[in-house]
Protein backbone atom coordinates (compact mmCIF):
# COMPACT_ATOMS: atom_id res chain seq x y z
CA MET A 1 3.05 34.22 -32.52
CA THR A 2 5.64 33.60 -30.38
CA ARG A 3 6.17 30.23 -28.40
CA LEU A 4 6.92 30.00 -24.86
CA PRO A 5 10.59 28.35 -24.06
CA ALA A 6 9.83 24.58 -22.62
CA TRP A 7 11.32 25.21 -19.12
CA LEU A 8 8.78 27.66 -18.47
CA GLY A 9 6.61 24.37 -18.04
CA GLY A 10 9.54 23.41 -15.77
CA VAL A 11 9.20 26.09 -13.69
CA ALA A 12 5.07 26.33 -13.34
CA ALA A 13 5.51 22.46 -12.52
CA LEU A 14 8.07 23.50 -9.59
CA ALA A 15 6.05 25.86 -8.27
CA ILE A 16 2.81 23.57 -8.07
CA ALA A 17 4.75 21.48 -6.40
CA VAL A 18 5.93 23.70 -4.21
CA ILE A 19 2.51 25.15 -3.05
CA ALA A 20 1.20 21.46 -3.14
CA VAL A 21 4.33 20.08 0.00
CA VAL A 22 3.82 23.48 1.81
CA SER A 23 0.28 22.89 2.28
CA MET A 24 0.87 19.04 3.19
CA TRP A 25 3.53 19.71 5.21
CA GLY A 26 1.16 22.86 6.98
CA LEU A 27 -1.16 20.13 7.86
CA ALA A 28 1.06 17.53 8.84
CA LEU A 29 3.59 19.21 11.00
CA PRO A 30 1.41 21.31 13.78
CA LEU A 31 2.05 17.90 16.43
CA SER A 32 -0.04 19.64 19.20
CA PRO A 33 -3.50 21.38 18.61
CA THR A 34 -2.99 25.57 18.68
CA SER A 35 -6.55 26.06 20.75
CA GLY A 36 -5.54 23.10 23.14
CA VAL A 37 -8.98 21.49 22.61
CA CYS A 38 -9.19 19.25 19.70
CA ALA A 39 -12.90 19.05 18.17
CA ALA A 40 -14.31 15.55 17.37
CA ILE A 41 -14.93 16.25 13.80
CA LEU A 42 -13.16 14.01 11.16
CA PRO A 43 -10.90 14.91 9.21
CA PRO A 44 -9.14 16.39 12.46
CA SER A 45 -8.09 19.79 12.05
CA ALA A 46 -4.51 20.99 11.68
CA GLY A 47 -2.18 19.66 15.07
CA CYS A 48 -4.98 17.30 16.25
CA ALA A 49 -4.08 13.80 14.89
CA GLY A 50 -0.88 13.78 16.29
CA ASP A 51 1.78 12.31 14.10
CA ALA A 52 -0.52 10.22 11.73
CA ARG A 53 -0.71 12.91 9.19
CA LEU A 54 3.54 12.71 8.59
CA LEU A 55 3.67 9.32 6.67
CA PRO A 56 1.64 10.90 4.09
CA ALA A 57 3.20 13.69 3.72
CA ILE A 58 6.94 11.91 3.39
CA ILE A 59 5.13 9.30 0.72
CA TRP A 60 3.58 12.13 -0.76
CA SER A 61 6.97 14.77 -0.93
CA MET A 62 8.54 12.79 -2.43
CA LEU A 63 6.11 11.44 -5.38
CA ALA A 64 5.60 14.95 -5.85
CA ALA A 65 9.87 14.97 -6.42
CA VAL A 66 9.77 12.28 -8.90
CA ALA A 67 6.65 14.00 -10.58
CA VAL A 68 9.07 17.33 -11.03
CA THR A 69 11.67 15.14 -12.27
CA THR A 70 9.11 13.46 -14.60
CA ALA A 71 7.75 16.98 -15.70
CA LEU A 72 11.32 18.27 -16.44
CA ILE A 73 11.72 15.36 -18.60
CA LEU A 74 9.01 15.94 -20.39
CA ALA A 75 9.58 19.95 -21.05
CA ARG A 76 12.83 18.59 -22.70
CA ARG A 77 11.67 15.91 -24.79
CA TRP A 78 8.57 17.29 -25.99
CA ARG A 79 8.87 20.78 -25.67
CA TRP A 80 5.90 22.81 -25.29
CA TRP A 81 3.19 19.90 -24.98
CA GLY A 82 5.92 17.71 -22.20
CA ALA A 83 5.89 21.08 -20.56
CA VAL A 84 1.96 21.43 -20.18
CA ALA A 85 1.66 17.43 -19.42
CA GLY A 86 4.45 17.96 -16.68
CA ALA A 87 2.66 20.48 -15.16
CA VAL A 88 -0.70 18.99 -15.40
CA LEU A 89 1.14 15.73 -13.51
CA VAL A 90 2.17 17.78 -11.07
CA ALA A 91 -0.93 18.81 -10.20
CA ILE A 92 -2.60 15.90 -9.82
CA VAL A 93 0.03 14.53 -7.65
CA GLY A 94 -0.30 17.44 -5.49
CA CYS A 95 -3.80 17.69 -5.34
CA MET A 96 -3.72 13.88 -4.31
CA GLY A 97 -1.17 14.28 -1.73
CA TYR A 98 -2.89 16.85 0.26
CA ILE A 99 -6.21 14.76 0.15
CA ALA A 100 -4.18 11.86 1.24
CA THR A 101 -2.48 14.14 4.04
CA LEU A 102 -5.56 15.71 5.03
CA TYR A 103 -7.61 12.54 5.67
CA MET A 104 -4.41 10.44 6.89
CA ARG A 105 -4.68 7.77 4.23
CA PRO A 106 -0.97 7.29 2.34
CA LEU A 107 -1.96 5.70 -0.56
CA LEU A 108 -5.45 7.06 -0.59
CA PHE A 109 -6.78 3.29 -0.03
CA GLY A 110 -9.00 2.28 2.48
């Protein structure tokens, strides 16, 4: 059986982080609605929250960068297990960031 190189986990973590950050900013960046009218629903659709989604997107993008750095360190130290743990960490941070940006709560509390 061949062993996967540790850098592959770092690449997976980076790919997960890119998907998460692009999704977060896809919600945060349209500052005006595309249809011109915003429905009164919660959470508001993209473009209907004004700049309320910018702060969560900024905070969680930075946390995703820290998670990727941690994933790369784990992959270097503990090889395969570290790579898997790092990728899982980045996936968790990415999902939490997307939810925080969607519901406009920077730290998911309150």
